[in-house]
PDB file of N, CA and C in Angstrom:
ATOM      1  N   UNK A   1       9.832 -12.883  41.125  1.00  0.00           N
ATOM      2  CA  UNK A   1       9.936 -11.805  40.317  1.00  0.00           C
ATOM      3  C   UNK A   1      11.232 -11.679  39.528  1.00  0.00           C
ATOM      4  N   UNK A   2      12.413 -12.232  40.157  1.00  0.00           N
ATOM      5  CA  UNK A   2      13.604 -12.178  39.745  1.00  0.00           C
ATOM      6  C   UNK A   2      13.655 -13.189  38.475  1.00  0.00           C
ATOM      7  N   UNK A   3      12.741 -14.043  38.320  1.00  0.00           N
ATOM      8  CA  UNK A   3      12.930 -15.051  37.245  1.00  0.00           C
ATOM      9  C   UNK A   3      12.320 -14.287  35.831  1.00  0.00           C
ATOM     10  N   UNK A   4      11.511 -13.323  36.008  1.00  0.00           N
ATOM     11  CA  UNK A   4      11.031 -12.687  35.023  1.00  0.00           C
ATOM     12  C   UNK A   4      11.989 -11.650  34.488  1.00  0.00           C
ATOM     13  N   UNK A   5      12.785 -11.041  35.132  1.00  0.00           N
ATOM     14  CA  UNK A   5      14.197 -10.211  34.636  1.00  0.00           C
ATOM     15  C   UNK A   5      15.398 -11.200  34.133  1.00  0.00           C
ATOM     16  N   UNK A   6      15.179 -12.237  34.422  1.00  0.00           N
ATOM     17  CA  UNK A   6      16.432 -13.075  34.080  1.00  0.00           C
ATOM     18  C   UNK A   6      16.291 -14.013  33.207  1.00  0.00           C
ATOM     19  N   UNK A   7      15.023 -13.833  32.422  1.00  0.00           N
ATOM     20  CA  UNK A   7      14.471 -14.475  31.011  1.00  0.00           C
ATOM     21  C   UNK A   7      15.342 -14.156  29.899  1.00  0.00           C
ATOM     22  N   UNK A   8      16.004 -15.239  29.163  1.00  0.00           N
ATOM     23  CA  UNK A   8      16.612 -14.886  27.909  1.00  0.00           C
ATOM     24  C   UNK A   8      15.737 -15.176  26.632  1.00  0.00           C
ATOM     25  N   UNK A   9      14.645 -15.521  26.947  1.00  0.00           N
ATOM     26  CA  UNK A   9      13.680 -15.618  25.890  1.00  0.00           C
ATOM     27  C   UNK A   9      12.989 -14.497  25.551  1.00  0.00           C
ATOM     28  N   UNK A  10      12.504 -14.303  24.172  1.00  0.00           N
ATOM     29  CA  UNK A  10      11.625 -13.256  23.699  1.00  0.00           C
ATOM     30  C   UNK A  10      10.221 -13.708  24.135  1.00  0.00           C
ATOM     31  N   UNK A  11       9.392 -12.571  24.508  1.00  0.00           N
ATOM     32  CA  UNK A  11       7.661 -12.856  24.759  1.00  0.00           C
ATOM     33  C   UNK A  11       7.425 -13.347  23.300  1.00  0.00           C
ATOM     34  N   UNK A  12       6.457 -14.110  23.132  1.00  0.00           N
ATOM     35  CA  UNK A  12       5.797 -14.454  22.088  1.00  0.00           C
ATOM     36  C   UNK A  12       4.777 -13.584  21.721  1.00  0.00           C
ATOM     37  N   UNK A  13       4.571 -13.133  20.573  1.00  0.00           N
ATOM     38  CA  UNK A  13       3.558 -12.451  19.901  1.00  0.00           C
ATOM     39  C   UNK A  13       2.681 -13.054  18.938  1.00  0.00           C
ATOM     40  N   UNK A  14       1.332 -12.587  19.091  1.00  0.00           N
ATOM     41  CA  UNK A  14       0.511 -13.533  18.523  1.00  0.00           C
ATOM     42  C   UNK A  14       0.179 -12.999  16.945  1.00  0.00           C
ATOM     43  N   UNK A  15      -0.231 -13.898  16.028  1.00  0.00           N
ATOM     44  CA  UNK A  15      -0.484 -13.235  14.505  1.00  0.00           C
ATOM     45  C   UNK A  15      -1.607 -12.266  14.460  1.00  0.00           C
ATOM     46  N   UNK A  16      -1.909 -11.538  13.507  1.00  0.00           N
ATOM     47  CA  UNK A  16      -2.800 -10.560  13.761  1.00  0.00           C
ATOM     48  C   UNK A  16      -4.243 -11.575  13.457  1.00  0.00           C
ATOM     49  N   UNK A  17      -5.327 -10.948  14.057  1.00  0.00           N
ATOM     50  CA  UNK A  17      -6.691 -11.635  13.799  1.00  0.00           C
ATOM     51  C   UNK A  17      -7.637 -10.591  13.150  1.00  0.00           C
ATOM     52  N   UNK A  18      -8.549 -11.367  12.593  1.00  0.00           N
ATOM     53  CA  UNK A  18      -9.747 -10.602  11.815  1.00  0.00           C
ATOM     54  C   UNK A  18      -9.107  -9.246  11.042  1.00  0.00           C
ATOM     55  N   UNK A  19      -8.262  -9.520  10.192  1.00  0.00           N
ATOM     56  CA  UNK A  19      -7.680  -8.420   9.247  1.00  0.00           C
ATOM     57  C   UNK A  19      -8.800  -7.885   8.385  1.00  0.00           C
ATOM     58  N   UNK A  20      -8.762  -6.603   7.570  1.00  0.00           N
ATOM     59  CA  UNK A  20      -9.720  -6.126   7.087  1.00  0.00           C
ATOM     60  C   UNK A  20      -8.803  -5.316   6.260  1.00  0.00           C
ATOM     61  N   UNK A  21      -9.530  -5.686   4.829  1.00  0.00           N
ATOM     62  CA  UNK A  21      -8.536  -5.185   3.634  1.00  0.00           C
ATOM     63  C   UNK A  21      -9.452  -3.726   3.126  1.00  0.00           C
ATOM     64  N   UNK A  22      -8.728  -2.460   3.433  1.00  0.00           N
ATOM     65  CA  UNK A  22      -9.814  -1.547   3.195  1.00  0.00           C
ATOM     66  C   UNK A  22      -9.436  -0.592   1.847  1.00  0.00           C
ATOM     67  N   UNK A  23      -8.573  -1.142   1.054  1.00  0.00           N
ATOM     68  CA  UNK A  23      -8.118  -0.339  -0.098  1.00  0.00           C
ATOM     69  C   UNK A  23      -7.979  -1.639  -1.197  1.00  0.00           C
ATOM     70  N   UNK A  24      -8.918  -1.346  -2.348  1.00  0.00           N
ATOM     71  CA  UNK A  24      -8.620  -1.803  -3.537  1.00  0.00           C
ATOM     72  C   UNK A  24      -8.640  -1.022  -4.430  1.00  0.00           C
ATOM     73  N   UNK A  25      -7.324  -1.192  -5.275  1.00  0.00           N
ATOM     74  CA  UNK A  25      -6.767  -0.092  -6.588  1.00  0.00           C
ATOM     75  C   UNK A  25      -6.816  -0.869  -7.655  1.00  0.00           C
ATOM     76  N   UNK A  26      -7.432  -0.062  -8.592  1.00  0.00           N
ATOM     77  CA  UNK A  26      -7.920  -1.017  -9.946  1.00  0.00           C
ATOM     78  C   UNK A  26      -7.766   0.185 -11.182  1.00  0.00           C
ATOM     79  N   UNK A  27      -7.986  -0.271 -12.236  1.00  0.00           N
ATOM     80  CA  UNK A  27      -7.575   0.739 -13.399  1.00  0.00           C
ATOM     81  C   UNK A  27      -8.718   0.568 -14.213  1.00  0.00           C
ATOM     82  N   UNK A  28      -9.202   1.548 -14.568  1.00  0.00           N
ATOM     83  CA  UNK A  28     -10.710   1.373 -15.791  1.00  0.00           C
ATOM     84  C   UNK A  28      -9.831   1.772 -17.181  1.00  0.00           C
ATOM     85  N   UNK A  29      -9.880   0.973 -17.995  1.00  0.00           N
ATOM     86  CA  UNK A  29      -9.112   1.244 -19.054  1.00  0.00           C
ATOM     87  C   UNK A  29     -10.086   1.889 -20.133  1.00  0.00           C
ATOM     88  N   UNK A  30     -11.364   1.985 -20.133  1.00  0.00           N
ATOM     89  CA  UNK A  30     -12.090   2.717 -20.678  1.00  0.00           C
ATOM     90  C   UNK A  30     -12.100   4.183 -20.437  1.00  0.00           C
ATOM     91  N   UNK A  31     -12.055   4.774 -18.997  1.00  0.00           N
ATOM     92  CA  UNK A  31     -11.795   5.765 -18.782  1.00  0.00           C
ATOM     93  C   UNK A  31     -10.400   6.406 -18.405  1.00  0.00           C
ATOM     94  N   UNK A  32      -9.689   5.166 -18.523  1.00  0.00           N
ATOM     95  CA  UNK A  32      -8.050   5.729 -18.412  1.00  0.00           C
ATOM     96  C   UNK A  32      -7.691   6.111 -17.383  1.00  0.00           C
ATOM     97  N   UNK A  33      -8.259   5.633 -16.111  1.00  0.00           N
ATOM     98  CA  UNK A  33      -7.848   6.175 -14.642  1.00  0.00           C
ATOM     99  C   UNK A  33      -8.027   5.371 -13.911  1.00  0.00           C
ATOM    100  N   UNK A  34      -7.117   5.692 -12.643  1.00  0.00           N
ATOM    101  CA  UNK A  34      -7.432   4.400 -11.511  1.00  0.00           C
ATOM    102  C   UNK A  34      -8.692   4.670 -10.789  1.00  0.00           C
ATOM    103  N   UNK A  35      -8.790   3.730 -10.176  1.00  0.00           N
ATOM    104  CA  UNK A  35     -10.075   3.787  -9.347  1.00  0.00           C
ATOM    105  C   UNK A  35      -9.651   3.541  -7.761  1.00  0.00           C
ATOM    106  N   UNK A  36     -10.360   3.739  -6.664  1.00  0.00           N
ATOM    107  CA  UNK A  36      -9.931   3.030  -5.689  1.00  0.00           C
ATOM    108  C   UNK A  36      -8.780   3.960  -4.576  1.00  0.00           C
ATOM    109  N   UNK A  37      -8.194   4.784  -5.493  1.00  0.00           N
ATOM    110  CA  UNK A  37      -7.022   5.363  -4.696  1.00  0.00           C
ATOM    111  C   UNK A  37      -7.111   6.048  -3.845  1.00  0.00           C
ATOM    112  N   UNK A  38      -6.693   5.863  -2.663  1.00  0.00           N
ATOM    113  CA  UNK A  38      -6.557   6.659  -1.307  1.00  0.00           C
ATOM    114  C   UNK A  38      -6.094   8.150  -1.569  1.00  0.00           C
ATOM    115  N   UNK A  39      -6.489   9.070  -0.838  1.00  0.00           N
ATOM    116  CA  UNK A  39      -6.089  10.307  -1.168  1.00  0.00           C
ATOM    117  C   UNK A  39      -4.831  10.577  -1.421  1.00  0.00           C
ATOM    118  N   UNK A  40      -3.930   9.981  -0.354  1.00  0.00           N
ATOM    119  CA  UNK A  40      -2.798  10.041  -0.238  1.00  0.00           C
ATOM    120  C   UNK A  40      -1.886   9.880  -1.651  1.00  0.00           C
ATOM    121  N   UNK A  41      -2.349   8.565  -2.268  1.00  0.00           N
ATOM    122  CA  UNK A  41      -2.050   8.105  -3.380  1.00  0.00           C
ATOM    123  C   UNK A  41      -2.263   8.923  -4.386  1.00  0.00           C
ATOM    124  N   UNK A  42      -3.162   9.282  -4.564  1.00  0.00           N
ATOM    125  CA  UNK A  42      -3.843  10.458  -5.620  1.00  0.00           C
ATOM    126  C   UNK A  42      -3.099  11.457  -5.517  1.00  0.00           C
ATOM    127  N   UNK A  43      -2.470  12.381  -4.454  1.00  0.00           N
ATOM    128  CA  UNK A  43      -1.513  13.334  -4.483  1.00  0.00           C
ATOM    129  C   UNK A  43      -0.218  12.908  -4.977  1.00  0.00           C
ATOM    130  N   UNK A  44       0.577  11.649  -4.461  1.00  0.00           N
ATOM    131  CA  UNK A  44       1.853  11.164  -4.774  1.00  0.00           C
ATOM    132  C   UNK A  44       1.544  10.953  -6.284  1.00  0.00           C
ATOM    133  N   UNK A  45       0.552  10.585  -7.059  1.00  0.00           N
ATOM    134  CA  UNK A  45       0.641  10.240  -8.235  1.00  0.00           C
ATOM    135  C   UNK A  45       0.436  11.641  -9.098  1.00  0.00           C
ATOM    136  N   UNK A  46      -0.234  12.630  -8.697  1.00  0.00           N
ATOM    137  CA  UNK A  46      -0.282  14.002  -9.173  1.00  0.00           C
ATOM    138  C   UNK A  46       0.981  14.385  -9.103  1.00  0.00           C
ATOM    139  N   UNK A  47       1.841  14.463  -8.064  1.00  0.00           N
ATOM    140  CA  UNK A  47       3.112  15.155  -8.068  1.00  0.00           C
ATOM    141  C   UNK A  47       4.067  14.232  -8.555  1.00  0.00           C
ATOM    142  N   UNK A  48       4.088  13.125  -9.010  1.00  0.00           N
ATOM    143  CA  UNK A  48       5.142  12.284  -9.436  1.00  0.00           C
ATOM    144  C   UNK A  48       5.618  12.686 -10.836  1.00  0.00           C
ATOM    145  N   UNK A  49       4.895  13.408 -11.692  1.00  0.00           N
ATOM    146  CA  UNK A  49       5.354  13.612 -13.047  1.00  0.00           C
ATOM    147  C   UNK A  49       5.301  12.486 -14.071  1.00  0.00           C
ATOM    148  N   UNK A  50       4.494  11.560 -13.516  1.00  0.00           N
ATOM    149  CA  UNK A  50       4.337  10.517 -14.399  1.00  0.00           C
ATOM    150  C   UNK A  50       2.876  10.959 -15.031  1.00  0.00           C
ATOM    151  N   UNK A  51       3.098  10.975 -16.552  1.00  0.00           N
ATOM    152  CA  UNK A  51       1.866  11.443 -17.431  1.00  0.00           C
ATOM    153  C   UNK A  51       0.996  10.226 -17.602  1.00  0.00           C
ATOM    154  N   UNK A  52      -0.129  10.996 -17.933  1.00  0.00           N
ATOM    155  CA  UNK A  52      -1.598   9.919 -17.987  1.00  0.00           C
ATOM    156  C   UNK A  52      -1.318   8.963 -18.964  1.00  0.00           C
ATOM    157  N   UNK A  53      -0.497   9.271 -20.351  1.00  0.00           N
ATOM    158  CA  UNK A  53      -0.541   8.138 -21.176  1.00  0.00           C
ATOM    159  C   UNK A  53       0.568   7.064 -20.476  1.00  0.00           C
ATOM    160  N   UNK A  54       1.582   7.442 -19.959  1.00  0.00           N
ATOM    161  CA  UNK A  54       2.247   6.407 -18.984  1.00  0.00           C
ATOM    162  C   UNK A  54       1.405   5.485 -18.113  1.00  0.00           C
ATOM    163  N   UNK A  55       0.690   6.278 -17.414  1.00  0.00           N
ATOM    164  CA  UNK A  55      -0.375   5.583 -16.298  1.00  0.00           C
ATOM    165  C   UNK A  55      -1.266   4.451 -17.295  1.00  0.00           C
ATOM    166  N   UNK A  56      -1.634   5.042 -18.450  1.00  0.00           N
ATOM    167  CA  UNK A  56      -2.699   4.316 -19.129  1.00  0.00           C
ATOM    168  C   UNK A  56      -1.663   2.833 -19.741  1.00  0.00           C
ATOM    169  N   UNK A  57      -0.539   3.225 -19.973  1.00  0.00           N
ATOM    170  CA  UNK A  57       0.374   2.081 -20.576  1.00  0.00           C
ATOM    171  C   UNK A  57       0.532   1.066 -19.559  1.00  0.00           C
ATOM    172  N   UNK A  58       0.945   1.359 -18.484  1.00  0.00           N
ATOM    173  CA  UNK A  58       1.725   0.485 -17.496  1.00  0.00           C
ATOM    174  C   UNK A  58       0.733   0.732 -15.819  1.00  0.00           C
ATOM    175  N   UNK A  59      -0.288   0.514 -16.004  1.00  0.00           N
ATOM    176  CA  UNK A  59      -0.982   0.799 -14.796  1.00  0.00           C
ATOM    177  C   UNK A  59      -0.458   0.064 -13.207  1.00  0.00           C
ATOM    178  N   UNK A  60      -0.321  -1.145 -13.719  1.00  0.00           N
ATOM    179  CA  UNK A  60       0.189  -2.157 -12.432  1.00  0.00           C
ATOM    180  C   UNK A  60       1.621  -1.469 -12.036  1.00  0.00           C
ATOM    181  N   UNK A  61       2.546  -1.113 -13.087  1.00  0.00           N
ATOM    182  CA  UNK A  61       3.591  -0.549 -12.418  1.00  0.00           C
ATOM    183  C   UNK A  61       3.629   0.469 -11.530  1.00  0.00           C
ATOM    184  N   UNK A  62       2.748   1.403 -11.948  1.00  0.00           N
ATOM    185  CA  UNK A  62       2.187   2.822 -11.288  1.00  0.00           C
ATOM    186  C   UNK A  62       1.782   2.296  -9.769  1.00  0.00           C
ATOM    187  N   UNK A  63       1.026   1.519  -9.684  1.00  0.00           N
ATOM    188  CA  UNK A  63       0.462   0.965  -8.310  1.00  0.00           C
ATOM    189  C   UNK A  63       1.355   0.574  -7.648  1.00  0.00           C
ATOM    190  N   UNK A  64       2.520  -0.191  -8.172  1.00  0.00           N
ATOM    191  CA  UNK A  64       3.577  -0.596  -7.362  1.00  0.00           C
ATOM    192  C   UNK A  64       4.557   0.459  -6.956  1.00  0.00           C
ATOM    193  N   UNK A  65       4.509   1.410  -7.838  1.00  0.00           N
ATOM    194  CA  UNK A  65       5.671   2.550  -7.742  1.00  0.00           C
ATOM    195  C   UNK A  65       4.838   3.388  -6.408  1.00  0.00           C
ATOM    196  N   UNK A  66       3.737   3.720  -6.570  1.00  0.00           N
ATOM    197  CA  UNK A  66       2.881   4.522  -5.530  1.00  0.00           C
ATOM    198  C   UNK A  66       3.168   3.573  -4.012  1.00  0.00           C
ATOM    199  N   UNK A  67       2.806   2.555  -3.996  1.00  0.00           N
ATOM    200  CA  UNK A  67       3.215   1.327  -2.959  1.00  0.00           C
ATOM    201  C   UNK A  67       4.368   1.587  -2.245  1.00  0.00           C
ATOM    202  N   UNK A  68       5.435   1.796  -3.302  1.00  0.00           N
ATOM    203  CA  UNK A  68       6.665   2.027  -2.728  1.00  0.00           C
ATOM    204  C   UNK A  68       6.931   3.237  -1.849  1.00  0.00           C
ATOM    205  N   UNK A  69       6.552   4.092  -2.786  1.00  0.00           N
ATOM    206  CA  UNK A  69       6.765   5.467  -2.081  1.00  0.00           C
ATOM    207  C   UNK A  69       6.204   5.972  -0.907  1.00  0.00           C
ATOM    208  N   UNK A  70       5.138   5.147  -0.741  1.00  0.00           N
ATOM    209  CA  UNK A  70       3.964   5.352   0.355  1.00  0.00           C
ATOM    210  C   UNK A  70       4.714   4.877   1.500  1.00  0.00           C
TER     211      UNK A  70
END
């Protein structure tokens, strides 16, 4: 038992296994809106003050911004 407490090495942690991708966000340019946004992201976007025209102009930047603030 004393060997356990005197160890100077950190325990090993395994890598994730069987990960599942639950969110896929896209932009429907014909409708001019995002698709697949989680509820929290929708709220962030609606409260952000980013106008719809800006969202349509730079959808990828908006997605990155929402990811950052989440």
